[in-house]
C-alpha atoms as a PDB file:
ATOM      1  CA  MET A   1       1.606 -19.676   8.739  1.00  0.00           C
ATOM      2  CA  ARG A   2      -1.168 -20.209  11.281  1.00  0.00           C
ATOM      3  CA  GLY A   3      -1.285 -17.444  13.877  1.00  0.00           C
ATOM      4  CA  GLU A   4       0.874 -14.922  12.053  1.00  0.00           C
ATOM      5  CA  ILE A   5      -0.630 -12.160   9.944  1.00  0.00           C
ATOM      6  CA  LYS A   6       0.221 -12.233   6.244  1.00  0.00           C
ATOM      7  CA  MET A   7      -0.719  -9.674   3.640  1.00  0.00           C
ATOM      8  CA  ARG A   8      -2.459 -10.754   0.430  1.00  0.00           C
ATOM      9  CA  GLU A   9      -3.500  -8.555  -2.446  1.00  0.00           C
ATOM     10  CA  VAL A  10      -7.240  -8.725  -3.117  1.00  0.00           C
ATOM     11  CA  ILE A  11      -8.872  -7.173  -6.166  1.00  0.00           C
ATOM     12  CA  ILE A  12     -12.482  -6.124  -5.588  1.00  0.00           C
ATOM     13  CA  TYR A  13     -14.889  -5.306  -8.365  1.00  0.00           C
ATOM     14  CA  HIS A  14     -18.620  -5.128  -8.942  1.00  0.00           C
ATOM     15  CA  GLY A  15     -19.947  -8.267 -10.651  1.00  0.00           C
ATOM     16  CA  GLU A  16     -22.740  -8.517 -13.170  1.00  0.00           C
ATOM     17  CA  ASP A  17     -25.182  -9.956 -10.629  1.00  0.00           C
ATOM     18  CA  SER A  18     -24.997  -6.979  -8.199  1.00  0.00           C
ATOM     19  CA  TYR A  19     -22.540  -8.833  -5.969  1.00  0.00           C
ATOM     20  CA  TRP A  20     -19.013  -7.663  -5.216  1.00  0.00           C
ATOM     21  CA  ILE A  21     -16.278 -10.042  -6.363  1.00  0.00           C
ATOM     22  CA  ALA A  22     -13.053 -10.422  -4.355  1.00  0.00           C
ATOM     23  CA  GLU A  23     -10.164 -12.194  -6.054  1.00  0.00           C
ATOM     24  CA  CYS A  24      -6.700 -13.025  -4.715  1.00  0.00           C
ATOM     25  CA  PRO A  25      -4.395 -13.079  -7.791  1.00  0.00           C
ATOM     26  CA  SER A  26      -1.486 -14.779  -6.017  1.00  0.00           C
ATOM     27  CA  LEU A  27      -3.696 -17.791  -5.198  1.00  0.00           C
ATOM     28  CA  PRO A  28      -5.084 -19.049  -8.525  1.00  0.00           C
ATOM     29  CA  GLY A  29      -8.825 -19.681  -8.352  1.00  0.00           C
ATOM     30  CA  CYS A  30      -9.222 -18.062  -4.923  1.00  0.00           C
ATOM     31  CA  ILE A  31     -12.305 -15.946  -5.583  1.00  0.00           C
ATOM     32  CA  SER A  32     -15.187 -15.011  -3.309  1.00  0.00           C
ATOM     33  CA  GLN A  33     -18.113 -12.608  -3.348  1.00  0.00           C
ATOM     34  CA  GLY A  34     -20.517 -10.686  -1.144  1.00  0.00           C
ATOM     35  CA  LYS A  35     -23.562  -8.457  -1.323  1.00  0.00           C
ATOM     36  CA  THR A  36     -21.435  -5.550  -0.045  1.00  0.00           C
ATOM     37  CA  LYS A  37     -17.737  -4.707  -0.319  1.00  0.00           C
ATOM     38  CA  GLU A  38     -17.314  -5.448   3.377  1.00  0.00           C
ATOM     39  CA  GLU A  39     -18.950  -8.860   3.034  1.00  0.00           C
ATOM     40  CA  ALA A  40     -16.816  -9.655  -0.021  1.00  0.00           C
ATOM     41  CA  ILE A  41     -13.654  -8.729   1.904  1.00  0.00           C
ATOM     42  CA  GLN A  42     -14.657 -10.850   4.898  1.00  0.00           C
ATOM     43  CA  ASN A  43     -15.485 -13.786   2.611  1.00  0.00           C
ATOM     44  CA  ALA A  44     -12.161 -13.327   0.800  1.00  0.00           C
ATOM     45  CA  LYS A  45     -10.274 -13.499   4.105  1.00  0.00           C
ATOM     46  CA  GLU A  46     -11.980 -16.791   4.887  1.00  0.00           C
ATOM     47  CA  ALA A  47     -11.367 -18.144   1.366  1.00  0.00           C
ATOM     48  CA  ILE A  48      -7.671 -17.203   1.514  1.00  0.00           C
ATOM     49  CA  SER A  49      -7.276 -18.830   4.920  1.00  0.00           C
ATOM     50  CA  CYS A  50      -8.996 -22.043   3.765  1.00  0.00           C
ATOM     51  CA  TYR A  51      -6.992 -22.100   0.516  1.00  0.00           C
ATOM     52  CA  ILE A  52      -3.662 -21.792   2.331  1.00  0.00           C
ATOM     53  CA  HIS A  53      -4.701 -24.334   4.980  1.00  0.00           C
ATOM     54  CA  ALA A  54      -5.629 -26.855   2.252  1.00  0.00           C
ATOM     55  CA  LEU A  55      -2.235 -26.386   0.554  1.00  0.00           C
ATOM     56  CA  GLU A  56      -0.430 -26.867   3.859  1.00  0.00           C
ATOM     57  CA  GLU A  57      -2.441 -30.001   4.691  1.00  0.00           C
ATOM     58  CA  ASP A  58      -1.510 -31.458   1.299  1.00  0.00           C
ATOM     59  CA  HIS A  59       2.161 -30.524   1.882  1.00  0.00           C
ATOM     60  CA  LEU A  60       2.113 -28.210  -1.149  1.00  0.00           C
ATOM     61  CA  SER A  61       3.971 -24.931  -1.316  1.00  0.00           C
ATOM     62  CA  VAL A  62       2.026 -21.747  -0.688  1.00  0.00           C
ATOM     63  CA  PRO A  63       2.569 -19.204  -3.490  1.00  0.00           C
ATOM     64  CA  SER A  64       4.275 -16.034  -2.338  1.00  0.00           C
ATOM     65  CA  GLU A  65       2.522 -12.696  -2.643  1.00  0.00           C
ATOM     66  CA  ARG A  66       3.601 -10.516  -5.555  1.00  0.00           C
ATOM     67  CA  PHE A  67       1.670  -7.228  -5.174  1.00  0.00           C
ATOM     68  CA  ASP A  68       2.050  -6.449  -8.852  1.00  0.00           C
ATOM     69  CA  ALA A  69      -1.370  -5.009  -9.730  1.00  0.00           C
ATOM     70  CA  MET A  70      -1.698  -1.667 -11.488  1.00  0.00           C
ATOM     71  CA  VAL A  71      -4.532   0.592 -12.525  1.00  0.00           C
ATOM     72  CA  VAL A  72      -4.242   1.798 -16.115  1.00  0.00           C
ATOM     73  CA  ALA A  73      -6.181   4.736 -17.504  1.00  0.00           C
ATOM     74  CA  VAL A  74      -7.382   4.218 -21.078  1.00  0.00           C
END
């Protein structure tokens, strides 16, 4: 995995504390935040990289990406 570019779905939304939340659904518990969307995205990239690296170091399988999010109008 190291060195090659992989795509991961990241959901970004405005949190209650004025921070932007960035969550990677395919990696359970992989959530980050930032004061701006750009900062949240950058922090999410780092969190995803660290998450995957930790799984690899522990010889655990890395969940595959699903890209199954949808926006639903209510």
